[in-house]
C-alpha atoms as a PDB file:
ATOM      1  CA  UNK A   1       0.127   0.210   0.250  1.00  0.00           C
ATOM      2  CA  UNK A   2       2.991   2.337   0.857  1.00  0.00           C
ATOM      3  CA  UNK A   3       4.263   2.087  -2.673  1.00  0.00           C
ATOM      4  CA  UNK A   4       0.875   2.672  -4.385  1.00  0.00           C
ATOM      5  CA  UNK A   5       0.310   5.766  -2.444  1.00  0.00           C
ATOM      6  CA  UNK A   6       3.844   7.260  -2.900  1.00  0.00           C
ATOM      7  CA  UNK A   7       3.327   6.438  -6.822  1.00  0.00           C
ATOM      8  CA  UNK A   8      -0.191   8.217  -6.580  1.00  0.00           C
ATOM      9  CA  UNK A   9       1.401  11.289  -4.932  1.00  0.00           C
ATOM     10  CA  UNK A  10       4.136  11.551  -7.360  1.00  0.00           C
ATOM     11  CA  UNK A  11       1.590  11.184 -10.051  1.00  0.00           C
ATOM     12  CA  UNK A  12      -0.974  13.936  -8.660  1.00  0.00           C
ATOM     13  CA  UNK A  13       1.737  16.398  -7.988  1.00  0.00           C
ATOM     14  CA  UNK A  14       3.232  16.111 -11.549  1.00  0.00           C
ATOM     15  CA  UNK A  15      -0.354  16.096 -12.839  1.00  0.00           C
ATOM     16  CA  UNK A  16      -1.364  19.262 -11.174  1.00  0.00           C
ATOM     17  CA  UNK A  17       1.904  20.690 -11.728  1.00  0.00           C
ATOM     18  CA  UNK A  18       2.092  20.696 -15.431  1.00  0.00           C
ATOM     19  CA  UNK A  19      -0.729  23.038 -16.370  1.00  0.00           C
ATOM     20  CA  UNK A  20       0.693  26.144 -14.571  1.00  0.00           C
ATOM     21  CA  UNK A  21       4.149  25.296 -15.636  1.00  0.00           C
ATOM     22  CA  UNK A  22       3.045  24.965 -19.117  1.00  0.00           C
ATOM     23  CA  UNK A  23       1.231  28.159 -19.296  1.00  0.00           C
ATOM     24  CA  UNK A  24       4.346  29.716 -17.826  1.00  0.00           C
ATOM     25  CA  UNK A  25       6.476  28.048 -20.304  1.00  0.00           C
ATOM     26  CA  UNK A  26       4.007  29.657 -23.401  1.00  0.00           C
ATOM     27  CA  UNK A  27       4.001  33.040 -21.561  1.00  0.00           C
ATOM     28  CA  UNK A  28       8.091  33.232 -21.472  1.00  0.00           C
ATOM     29  CA  UNK A  29       8.546  31.688 -25.131  1.00  0.00           C
ATOM     30  CA  UNK A  30      10.278  28.862 -23.442  1.00  0.00           C
ATOM     31  CA  UNK A  31       9.262  26.385 -26.188  1.00  0.00           C
ATOM     32  CA  UNK A  32      10.839  23.691 -28.520  1.00  0.00           C
ATOM     33  CA  UNK A  33      10.628  25.242 -31.899  1.00  0.00           C
ATOM     34  CA  UNK A  34      10.369  23.176 -35.208  1.00  0.00           C
ATOM     35  CA  UNK A  35      13.550  22.093 -37.239  1.00  0.00           C
ATOM     36  CA  UNK A  36      14.381  20.011 -40.017  1.00  0.00           C
ATOM     37  CA  UNK A  37      15.862  17.074 -37.430  1.00  0.00           C
ATOM     38  CA  UNK A  38      12.475  17.198 -35.392  1.00  0.00           C
ATOM     39  CA  UNK A  39       9.248  15.769 -35.929  1.00  0.00           C
ATOM     40  CA  UNK A  40       6.846  18.445 -34.311  1.00  0.00           C
ATOM     41  CA  UNK A  41       5.520  20.918 -36.479  1.00  0.00           C
ATOM     42  CA  UNK A  42       4.561  23.527 -33.765  1.00  0.00           C
ATOM     43  CA  UNK A  43       6.112  24.936 -31.031  1.00  0.00           C
ATOM     44  CA  UNK A  44       5.643  22.828 -27.688  1.00  0.00           C
ATOM     45  CA  UNK A  45       6.314  24.090 -23.858  1.00  0.00           C
ATOM     46  CA  UNK A  46       9.834  22.779 -22.829  1.00  0.00           C
ATOM     47  CA  UNK A  47       9.577  22.894 -18.977  1.00  0.00           C
ATOM     48  CA  UNK A  48       8.018  19.623 -18.396  1.00  0.00           C
ATOM     49  CA  UNK A  49      11.276  18.246 -16.450  1.00  0.00           C
ATOM     50  CA  UNK A  50      10.664  20.906 -13.984  1.00  0.00           C
ATOM     51  CA  UNK A  51       7.398  19.155 -13.155  1.00  0.00           C
ATOM     52  CA  UNK A  52       8.788  15.844 -13.015  1.00  0.00           C
ATOM     53  CA  UNK A  53      11.739  17.004 -10.770  1.00  0.00           C
ATOM     54  CA  UNK A  54       9.657  18.571  -8.279  1.00  0.00           C
ATOM     55  CA  UNK A  55       7.215  15.816  -8.057  1.00  0.00           C
ATOM     56  CA  UNK A  56       9.792  13.327  -7.468  1.00  0.00           C
ATOM     57  CA  UNK A  57      11.780  15.140  -4.871  1.00  0.00           C
ATOM     58  CA  UNK A  58       8.518  16.182  -2.874  1.00  0.00           C
ATOM     59  CA  UNK A  59       7.362  12.642  -2.607  1.00  0.00           C
ATOM     60  CA  UNK A  60      10.876  11.225  -1.795  1.00  0.00           C
ATOM     61  CA  UNK A  61      11.074  13.591   1.004  1.00  0.00           C
ATOM     62  CA  UNK A  62       7.296  12.669   1.947  1.00  0.00           C
ATOM     63  CA  UNK A  63       8.053   8.708   2.077  1.00  0.00           C
ATOM     64  CA  UNK A  64      11.724   8.111   2.129  1.00  0.00           C
ATOM     65  CA  UNK A  65      12.696  11.337   4.130  1.00  0.00           C
ATOM     66  CA  UNK A  66      16.213  12.794   4.090  1.00  0.00           C
ATOM     67  CA  UNK A  67      18.493   9.511   3.203  1.00  0.00           C
ATOM     68  CA  UNK A  68      21.695   9.027   1.483  1.00  0.00           C
ATOM     69  CA  UNK A  69      19.244   7.840  -1.800  1.00  0.00           C
ATOM     70  CA  UNK A  70      17.215  11.142  -1.469  1.00  0.00           C
ATOM     71  CA  UNK A  71      20.180  13.356  -0.942  1.00  0.00           C
ATOM     72  CA  UNK A  72      21.660  11.642  -4.137  1.00  0.00           C
ATOM     73  CA  UNK A  73      18.790  11.948  -6.435  1.00  0.00           C
ATOM     74  CA  UNK A  74      18.088  15.663  -5.115  1.00  0.00           C
ATOM     75  CA  UNK A  75      21.531  16.993  -5.506  1.00  0.00           C
ATOM     76  CA  UNK A  76      22.328  15.400  -8.706  1.00  0.00           C
ATOM     77  CA  UNK A  77      18.929  16.133 -10.052  1.00  0.00           C
ATOM     78  CA  UNK A  78      19.061  19.455  -9.413  1.00  0.00           C
ATOM     79  CA  UNK A  79      22.351  20.060 -11.043  1.00  0.00           C
ATOM     80  CA  UNK A  80      20.963  18.333 -14.033  1.00  0.00           C
ATOM     81  CA  UNK A  81      18.082  20.607 -13.766  1.00  0.00           C
ATOM     82  CA  UNK A  82      20.163  23.640 -14.105  1.00  0.00           C
ATOM     83  CA  UNK A  83      22.264  22.393 -17.031  1.00  0.00           C
ATOM     84  CA  UNK A  84      19.439  21.026 -18.646  1.00  0.00           C
ATOM     85  CA  UNK A  85      17.602  24.201 -18.455  1.00  0.00           C
ATOM     86  CA  UNK A  86      20.230  26.140 -19.967  1.00  0.00           C
ATOM     87  CA  UNK A  87      20.333  23.392 -22.884  1.00  0.00           C
ATOM     88  CA  UNK A  88      16.635  23.870 -23.366  1.00  0.00           C
ATOM     89  CA  UNK A  89      16.662  27.711 -23.399  1.00  0.00           C
ATOM     90  CA  UNK A  90      19.211  27.295 -26.341  1.00  0.00           C
ATOM     91  CA  UNK A  91      16.637  25.182 -28.137  1.00  0.00           C
ATOM     92  CA  UNK A  92      14.038  27.940 -27.512  1.00  0.00           C
ATOM     93  CA  UNK A  93      16.615  30.280 -29.838  1.00  0.00           C
ATOM     94  CA  UNK A  94      17.234  27.530 -32.271  1.00  0.00           C
ATOM     95  CA  UNK A  95      20.324  26.990 -31.189  1.00  0.00           C
ATOM     96  CA  UNK A  96      22.611  24.300 -29.938  1.00  0.00           C
ATOM     97  CA  UNK A  97      24.311  24.347 -26.155  1.00  0.00           C
ATOM     98  CA  UNK A  98      27.753  23.117 -26.443  1.00  0.00           C
ATOM     99  CA  UNK A  99      28.611  19.562 -25.559  1.00  0.00           C
ATOM    100  CA  UNK A 100      31.465  20.085 -23.382  1.00  0.00           C
ATOM    101  CA  UNK A 101      29.956  21.937 -20.440  1.00  0.00           C
ATOM    102  CA  UNK A 102      27.255  19.436 -20.256  1.00  0.00           C
ATOM    103  CA  UNK A 103      30.012  16.558 -20.420  1.00  0.00           C
ATOM    104  CA  UNK A 104      31.574  18.303 -17.567  1.00  0.00           C
ATOM    105  CA  UNK A 105      28.510  18.589 -15.422  1.00  0.00           C
ATOM    106  CA  UNK A 106      27.279  15.197 -16.051  1.00  0.00           C
ATOM    107  CA  UNK A 107      30.649  13.567 -15.046  1.00  0.00           C
ATOM    108  CA  UNK A 108      30.518  15.704 -11.699  1.00  0.00           C
ATOM    109  CA  UNK A 109      27.041  14.463 -11.195  1.00  0.00           C
ATOM    110  CA  UNK A 110      27.846  10.934 -11.866  1.00  0.00           C
ATOM    111  CA  UNK A 111      30.284  11.289  -8.709  1.00  0.00           C
ATOM    112  CA  UNK A 112      27.429  12.303  -6.563  1.00  0.00           C
ATOM    113  CA  UNK A 113      26.247   8.673  -5.632  1.00  0.00           C
ATOM    114  CA  UNK A 114      29.803   8.082  -4.202  1.00  0.00           C
ATOM    115  CA  UNK A 115      29.498  11.028  -2.080  1.00  0.00           C
ATOM    116  CA  UNK A 116      26.648   9.264  -0.164  1.00  0.00           C
ATOM    117  CA  UNK A 117      28.042   5.665  -0.219  1.00  0.00           C
ATOM    118  CA  UNK A 118      26.043   4.581  -3.147  1.00  0.00           C
ATOM    119  CA  UNK A 119      28.046   2.357  -5.666  1.00  0.00           C
ATOM    120  CA  UNK A 120      28.869  -0.766  -7.327  1.00  0.00           C
ATOM    121  CA  UNK A 121      30.376  -2.740  -4.400  1.00  0.00           C
ATOM    122  CA  UNK A 122      31.759  -5.810  -6.677  1.00  0.00           C
ATOM    123  CA  UNK A 123      30.739  -8.619  -9.114  1.00  0.00           C
ATOM    124  CA  UNK A 124      30.594 -12.335  -7.817  1.00  0.00           C
ATOM    125  CA  UNK A 125      31.889 -14.972 -10.471  1.00  0.00           C
ATOM    126  CA  UNK A 126      31.617 -17.658  -8.401  1.00  0.00           C
ATOM    127  CA  UNK A 127      32.129 -17.964  -4.661  1.00  0.00           C
ATOM    128  CA  UNK A 128      31.322 -15.186  -2.034  1.00  0.00           C
ATOM    129  CA  UNK A 129      34.953 -14.204  -2.290  1.00  0.00           C
ATOM    130  CA  UNK A 130      35.745 -14.069  -6.148  1.00  0.00           C
ATOM    131  CA  UNK A 131      35.229 -10.253  -6.928  1.00  0.00           C
ATOM    132  CA  UNK A 132      36.076  -8.560 -10.033  1.00  0.00           C
ATOM    133  CA  UNK A 133      36.545  -5.451  -7.740  1.00  0.00           C
ATOM    134  CA  UNK A 134      35.704  -4.580  -4.298  1.00  0.00           C
ATOM    135  CA  UNK A 135      35.481  -0.878  -3.392  1.00  0.00           C
ATOM    136  CA  UNK A 136      38.224   1.702  -4.494  1.00  0.00           C
ATOM    137  CA  UNK A 137      39.024   3.177  -7.987  1.00  0.00           C
ATOM    138  CA  UNK A 138      37.231   0.390 -10.116  1.00  0.00           C
ATOM    139  CA  UNK A 139      34.320   0.491  -7.868  1.00  0.00           C
ATOM    140  CA  UNK A 140      33.993   4.278  -8.564  1.00  0.00           C
ATOM    141  CA  UNK A 141      34.862   3.994 -12.079  1.00  0.00           C
ATOM    142  CA  UNK A 142      32.071   1.633 -12.731  1.00  0.00           C
ATOM    143  CA  UNK A 143      29.570   3.492 -10.722  1.00  0.00           C
ATOM    144  CA  UNK A 144      30.296   6.675 -12.636  1.00  0.00           C
ATOM    145  CA  UNK A 145      30.520   5.376 -15.855  1.00  0.00           C
ATOM    146  CA  UNK A 146      26.811   3.507 -15.505  1.00  0.00           C
ATOM    147  CA  UNK A 147      25.462   6.891 -14.250  1.00  0.00           C
ATOM    148  CA  UNK A 148      27.002   8.882 -16.905  1.00  0.00           C
ATOM    149  CA  UNK A 149      25.755   6.464 -19.514  1.00  0.00           C
ATOM    150  CA  UNK A 150      22.021   6.435 -18.208  1.00  0.00           C
ATOM    151  CA  UNK A 151      21.898  10.208 -17.863  1.00  0.00           C
ATOM    152  CA  UNK A 152      22.682  10.168 -21.638  1.00  0.00           C
ATOM    153  CA  UNK A 153      20.703   7.127 -22.795  1.00  0.00           C
ATOM    154  CA  UNK A 154      17.419   8.737 -21.775  1.00  0.00           C
ATOM    155  CA  UNK A 155      18.118  11.823 -23.361  1.00  0.00           C
ATOM    156  CA  UNK A 156      18.692  10.074 -26.551  1.00  0.00           C
ATOM    157  CA  UNK A 157      15.368   8.516 -26.722  1.00  0.00           C
ATOM    158  CA  UNK A 158      13.313  11.561 -25.939  1.00  0.00           C
ATOM    159  CA  UNK A 159      12.505  12.241 -29.997  1.00  0.00           C
ATOM    160  CA  UNK A 160       8.982  11.078 -30.254  1.00  0.00           C
ATOM    161  CA  UNK A 161       5.783  12.225 -28.374  1.00  0.00           C
ATOM    162  CA  UNK A 162       5.410   9.861 -25.235  1.00  0.00           C
ATOM    163  CA  UNK A 163       8.384   7.634 -26.051  1.00  0.00           C
ATOM    164  CA  UNK A 164      10.768   8.581 -23.089  1.00  0.00           C
ATOM    165  CA  UNK A 165       8.176   9.242 -20.535  1.00  0.00           C
ATOM    166  CA  UNK A 166       6.353   6.034 -21.189  1.00  0.00           C
ATOM    167  CA  UNK A 167       9.729   3.909 -21.197  1.00  0.00           C
ATOM    168  CA  UNK A 168      10.409   5.694 -17.981  1.00  0.00           C
ATOM    169  CA  UNK A 169       7.010   4.311 -16.703  1.00  0.00           C
ATOM    170  CA  UNK A 170       7.718   0.786 -17.736  1.00  0.00           C
ATOM    171  CA  UNK A 171      11.326   0.747 -16.721  1.00  0.00           C
ATOM    172  CA  UNK A 172      10.852   2.318 -13.155  1.00  0.00           C
ATOM    173  CA  UNK A 173       8.041  -0.305 -12.663  1.00  0.00           C
ATOM    174  CA  UNK A 174      10.448  -3.065 -13.351  1.00  0.00           C
ATOM    175  CA  UNK A 175      12.715  -1.680 -10.924  1.00  0.00           C
ATOM    176  CA  UNK A 176      10.067  -1.338  -8.617  1.00  0.00           C
ATOM    177  CA  UNK A 177       9.330  -5.123  -8.905  1.00  0.00           C
ATOM    178  CA  UNK A 178      13.066  -6.024  -8.831  1.00  0.00           C
ATOM    179  CA  UNK A 179      13.462  -4.030  -5.321  1.00  0.00           C
ATOM    180  CA  UNK A 180      10.346  -5.632  -4.158  1.00  0.00           C
ATOM    181  CA  UNK A 181      11.806  -9.028  -4.913  1.00  0.00           C
ATOM    182  CA  UNK A 182      15.098  -8.299  -3.480  1.00  0.00           C
ATOM    183  CA  UNK A 183      13.641  -6.839  -0.377  1.00  0.00           C
ATOM    184  CA  UNK A 184      15.018  -3.531  -0.936  1.00  0.00           C
ATOM    185  CA  UNK A 185      12.248  -0.942   0.633  1.00  0.00           C
ATOM    186  CA  UNK A 186      13.978   2.353  -0.127  1.00  0.00           C
ATOM    187  CA  UNK A 187      14.775   1.670  -3.691  1.00  0.00           C
ATOM    188  CA  UNK A 188      11.240   0.062  -4.162  1.00  0.00           C
ATOM    189  CA  UNK A 189       9.538   3.336  -2.883  1.00  0.00           C
ATOM    190  CA  UNK A 190      12.107   5.516  -5.028  1.00  0.00           C
ATOM    191  CA  UNK A 191      11.211   3.402  -8.198  1.00  0.00           C
ATOM    192  CA  UNK A 192       7.334   3.800  -7.684  1.00  0.00           C
ATOM    193  CA  UNK A 193       7.690   7.655  -6.966  1.00  0.00           C
ATOM    194  CA  UNK A 194       9.522   7.727 -10.655  1.00  0.00           C
ATOM    195  CA  UNK A 195       6.815   5.466 -12.048  1.00  0.00           C
ATOM    196  CA  UNK A 196       3.930   7.829 -10.724  1.00  0.00           C
ATOM    197  CA  UNK A 197       5.860  10.862 -11.770  1.00  0.00           C
ATOM    198  CA  UNK A 198       6.640   9.820 -15.474  1.00  0.00           C
ATOM    199  CA  UNK A 199       3.027   8.413 -15.474  1.00  0.00           C
ATOM    200  CA  UNK A 200       1.568  11.789 -14.510  1.00  0.00           C
ATOM    201  CA  UNK A 201       3.462  13.533 -17.181  1.00  0.00           C
ATOM    202  CA  UNK A 202       2.794  10.971 -19.852  1.00  0.00           C
ATOM    203  CA  UNK A 203      -0.808  12.235 -19.622  1.00  0.00           C
ATOM    204  CA  UNK A 204       0.275  15.704 -21.061  1.00  0.00           C
ATOM    205  CA  UNK A 205       3.497  13.983 -23.554  1.00  0.00           C
ATOM    206  CA  UNK A 206       1.779  11.404 -25.384  1.00  0.00           C
ATOM    207  CA  UNK A 207       0.964  12.144 -28.973  1.00  0.00           C
ATOM    208  CA  UNK A 208      -0.027  14.721 -29.752  1.00  0.00           C
ATOM    209  CA  UNK A 209       2.161  16.204 -26.929  1.00  0.00           C
ATOM    210  CA  UNK A 210       1.171  19.455 -25.196  1.00  0.00           C
ATOM    211  CA  UNK A 211       4.281  19.434 -23.273  1.00  0.00           C
ATOM    212  CA  UNK A 212       7.990  18.058 -23.657  1.00  0.00           C
ATOM    213  CA  UNK A 213      10.318  17.052 -20.609  1.00  0.00           C
ATOM    214  CA  UNK A 214      13.412  18.662 -22.446  1.00  0.00           C
ATOM    215  CA  UNK A 215      17.037  17.838 -21.593  1.00  0.00           C
ATOM    216  CA  UNK A 216      16.384  18.823 -18.006  1.00  0.00           C
ATOM    217  CA  UNK A 217      13.708  15.953 -17.525  1.00  0.00           C
ATOM    218  CA  UNK A 218      15.149  13.139 -19.774  1.00  0.00           C
ATOM    219  CA  UNK A 219      18.545  13.926 -18.127  1.00  0.00           C
ATOM    220  CA  UNK A 220      16.806  13.510 -14.548  1.00  0.00           C
ATOM    221  CA  UNK A 221      14.840  10.389 -15.268  1.00  0.00           C
ATOM    222  CA  UNK A 222      18.158   8.762 -16.736  1.00  0.00           C
ATOM    223  CA  UNK A 223      19.994   9.561 -13.420  1.00  0.00           C
ATOM    224  CA  UNK A 224      17.087   8.772 -11.238  1.00  0.00           C
ATOM    225  CA  UNK A 225      17.221   5.109 -12.830  1.00  0.00           C
ATOM    226  CA  UNK A 226      20.758   4.927 -12.669  1.00  0.00           C
ATOM    227  CA  UNK A 227      20.964   5.718  -8.875  1.00  0.00           C
ATOM    228  CA  UNK A 228      18.187   3.548  -7.983  1.00  0.00           C
ATOM    229  CA  UNK A 229      19.639   0.406  -9.872  1.00  0.00           C
ATOM    230  CA  UNK A 230      23.084   1.224  -8.135  1.00  0.00           C
ATOM    231  CA  UNK A 231      21.226   1.467  -4.716  1.00  0.00           C
ATOM    232  CA  UNK A 232      19.545  -1.923  -5.385  1.00  0.00           C
ATOM    233  CA  UNK A 233      20.366  -4.536  -8.092  1.00  0.00           C
ATOM    234  CA  UNK A 234      23.595  -3.185  -9.052  1.00  0.00           C
ATOM    235  CA  UNK A 235      25.164  -2.777  -5.346  1.00  0.00           C
ATOM    236  CA  UNK A 236      26.517  -6.329  -4.998  1.00  0.00           C
ATOM    237  CA  UNK A 237      25.534  -8.892  -7.764  1.00  0.00           C
ATOM    238  CA  UNK A 238      26.300 -12.372  -9.104  1.00  0.00           C
ATOM    239  CA  UNK A 239      27.621 -11.718 -12.917  1.00  0.00           C
ATOM    240  CA  UNK A 240      24.226 -13.196 -14.508  1.00  0.00           C
ATOM    241  CA  UNK A 241      21.996 -10.926 -12.479  1.00  0.00           C
ATOM    242  CA  UNK A 242      23.953  -7.924 -13.659  1.00  0.00           C
ATOM    243  CA  UNK A 243      21.498  -8.482 -16.760  1.00  0.00           C
ATOM    244  CA  UNK A 244      18.408  -7.557 -14.553  1.00  0.00           C
ATOM    245  CA  UNK A 245      18.853  -3.670 -14.490  1.00  0.00           C
ATOM    246  CA  UNK A 246      20.338  -3.932 -18.088  1.00  0.00           C
ATOM    247  CA  UNK A 247      17.357  -5.571 -19.304  1.00  0.00           C
ATOM    248  CA  UNK A 248      14.917  -3.283 -17.244  1.00  0.00           C
ATOM    249  CA  UNK A 249      16.475  -0.177 -19.091  1.00  0.00           C
ATOM    250  CA  UNK A 250      16.680  -2.108 -22.188  1.00  0.00           C
ATOM    251  CA  UNK A 251      15.333   0.181 -24.771  1.00  0.00           C
ATOM    252  CA  UNK A 252      17.354   2.980 -24.033  1.00  0.00           C
ATOM    253  CA  UNK A 253      20.465   0.797 -23.689  1.00  0.00           C
ATOM    254  CA  UNK A 254      19.601  -0.823 -27.244  1.00  0.00           C
ATOM    255  CA  UNK A 255      18.858   2.421 -29.059  1.00  0.00           C
ATOM    256  CA  UNK A 256      22.142   3.976 -27.758  1.00  0.00           C
ATOM    257  CA  UNK A 257      23.988   0.738 -29.088  1.00  0.00           C
ATOM    258  CA  UNK A 258      22.617   0.886 -32.372  1.00  0.00           C
ATOM    259  CA  UNK A 259      23.131   4.754 -33.033  1.00  0.00           C
ATOM    260  CA  UNK A 260      26.528   4.860 -31.683  1.00  0.00           C
ATOM    261  CA  UNK A 261      27.286   1.631 -33.960  1.00  0.00           C
ATOM    262  CA  UNK A 262      25.747   3.702 -37.070  1.00  0.00           C
ATOM    263  CA  UNK A 263      27.639   6.778 -36.030  1.00  0.00           C
ATOM    264  CA  UNK A 264      30.819   4.919 -36.289  1.00  0.00           C
ATOM    265  CA  UNK A 265      30.297   3.244 -39.294  1.00  0.00           C
ATOM    266  CA  UNK A 266      29.440   6.417 -41.007  1.00  0.00           C
ATOM    267  CA  UNK A 267      32.078   8.441 -39.707  1.00  0.00           C
ATOM    268  CA  UNK A 268      30.028  10.725 -37.414  1.00  0.00           C
ATOM    269  CA  UNK A 269      30.667  12.267 -34.106  1.00  0.00           C
ATOM    270  CA  UNK A 270      29.240  10.462 -31.404  1.00  0.00           C
ATOM    271  CA  UNK A 271      27.818  13.421 -30.106  1.00  0.00           C
ATOM    272  CA  UNK A 272      26.093  14.932 -33.200  1.00  0.00           C
ATOM    273  CA  UNK A 273      22.477  14.993 -33.243  1.00  0.00           C
ATOM    274  CA  UNK A 274      21.068  12.836 -36.316  1.00  0.00           C
ATOM    275  CA  UNK A 275      18.182  10.937 -37.380  1.00  0.00           C
ATOM    276  CA  UNK A 276      19.668   7.377 -36.647  1.00  0.00           C
ATOM    277  CA  UNK A 277      17.766   6.587 -33.669  1.00  0.00           C
ATOM    278  CA  UNK A 278      15.328   3.610 -33.637  1.00  0.00           C
ATOM    279  CA  UNK A 279      12.264   5.731 -33.472  1.00  0.00           C
ATOM    280  CA  UNK A 280      13.460   7.638 -36.587  1.00  0.00           C
ATOM    281  CA  UNK A 281      13.980   4.405 -38.566  1.00  0.00           C
ATOM    282  CA  UNK A 282      10.277   3.069 -37.525  1.00  0.00           C
ATOM    283  CA  UNK A 283       8.953   6.407 -38.582  1.00  0.00           C
ATOM    284  CA  UNK A 284      11.068   6.176 -41.962  1.00  0.00           C
ATOM    285  CA  UNK A 285       9.494   2.684 -42.475  1.00  0.00           C
ATOM    286  CA  UNK A 286       6.247   3.993 -42.505  1.00  0.00           C
ATOM    287  CA  UNK A 287       4.974   3.746 -38.705  1.00  0.00           C
ATOM    288  CA  UNK A 288       3.394   6.722 -37.613  1.00  0.00           C
ATOM    289  CA  UNK A 289       3.946   8.484 -33.972  1.00  0.00           C
ATOM    290  CA  UNK A 290       1.631   6.496 -32.370  1.00  0.00           C
ATOM    291  CA  UNK A 291       2.603   3.031 -33.925  1.00  0.00           C
ATOM    292  CA  UNK A 292       6.405   3.744 -33.142  1.00  0.00           C
ATOM    293  CA  UNK A 293       5.684   4.524 -29.636  1.00  0.00           C
ATOM    294  CA  UNK A 294       3.759   1.363 -28.940  1.00  0.00           C
ATOM    295  CA  UNK A 295       6.070  -0.823 -30.576  1.00  0.00           C
ATOM    296  CA  UNK A 296       8.969   0.380 -28.427  1.00  0.00           C
ATOM    297  CA  UNK A 297       6.578   0.286 -25.341  1.00  0.00           C
ATOM    298  CA  UNK A 298       6.175  -3.377 -26.114  1.00  0.00           C
ATOM    299  CA  UNK A 299       9.979  -4.123 -26.617  1.00  0.00           C
ATOM    300  CA  UNK A 300      10.453  -2.601 -23.316  1.00  0.00           C
ATOM    301  CA  UNK A 301       7.773  -4.512 -21.540  1.00  0.00           C
ATOM    302  CA  UNK A 302       9.448  -7.584 -23.121  1.00  0.00           C
ATOM    303  CA  UNK A 303      12.923  -6.817 -21.504  1.00  0.00           C
ATOM    304  CA  UNK A 304      11.331  -5.812 -18.402  1.00  0.00           C
ATOM    305  CA  UNK A 305       9.492  -9.206 -18.256  1.00  0.00           C
ATOM    306  CA  UNK A 306      12.790 -10.727 -19.284  1.00  0.00           C
ATOM    307  CA  UNK A 307      14.591  -9.239 -16.302  1.00  0.00           C
ATOM    308  CA  UNK A 308      11.958 -10.168 -13.767  1.00  0.00           C
ATOM    309  CA  UNK A 309      12.107 -14.052 -15.002  1.00  0.00           C
ATOM    310  CA  UNK A 310      15.936 -13.762 -14.785  1.00  0.00           C
ATOM    311  CA  UNK A 311      15.837 -12.410 -11.476  1.00  0.00           C
ATOM    312  CA  UNK A 312      13.269 -15.393 -10.290  1.00  0.00           C
ATOM    313  CA  UNK A 313      15.636 -17.938 -12.106  1.00  0.00           C
ATOM    314  CA  UNK A 314      18.435 -16.792 -10.270  1.00  0.00           C
ATOM    315  CA  UNK A 315      16.555 -16.796  -7.283  1.00  0.00           C
END
């Protein structure tokens, strides 16, 4: 019951925050304008990430309190909000924010879990004492790499109405199930809260979208997923169970792998925006936005079910 109430609290908070924030974005001209690389044909308000962030943080304080998990998500999320809103502000002017300031901030944010003792402690390949690494530099590097990657991966898939927010619902519900099966209460509550916040926003973000989450929202969701996974399934895992969080977040991970492979083969810069994403390919093959998003939802659901089956199999 606690998890359901936490989820509904985050959902309701975001649902009621979006309309006034949307009006403010329209009044200020804080909108994503149409461009050749983009799918939408009219300006869309860009401040949805603020509603998602506020909904998550308010619910975390209410249901988890001030803990290392709350502090990690709150501080890192606030930093991502700032740089994300600056990035989004550039979009409102039809410009691209330079990549290196983002990389620097993402790297610093990726270290924040370490400040609060949230890190990948080790990986077992056999008995309890057979660790690939156990604390120290390798642990910190693995944690930061995972967090940095998820921050970017969620941002990459935010290219079709409802895709990032819908995948966020599926992935967070999966992390909720995993945390419950592993008896990890705080991680389960956090996952429920993120699911509720994403679902509350999805009501405005599904095609035709009335609001975009922007880079601020997408990077925050990716960060929240990464931290929750490290605090739970990734903290100390057998080698095979590492696939549980990887499958739970399978759609953004798969999309990034495909896009980076195609960019490398075509000689493009890895950070260059393009139309090589999975959703672009599906649209090019003739699917409309609703069909594209629904298909990727189904892929996400399959990955999520596989992750839960794997966890149950491993015991």
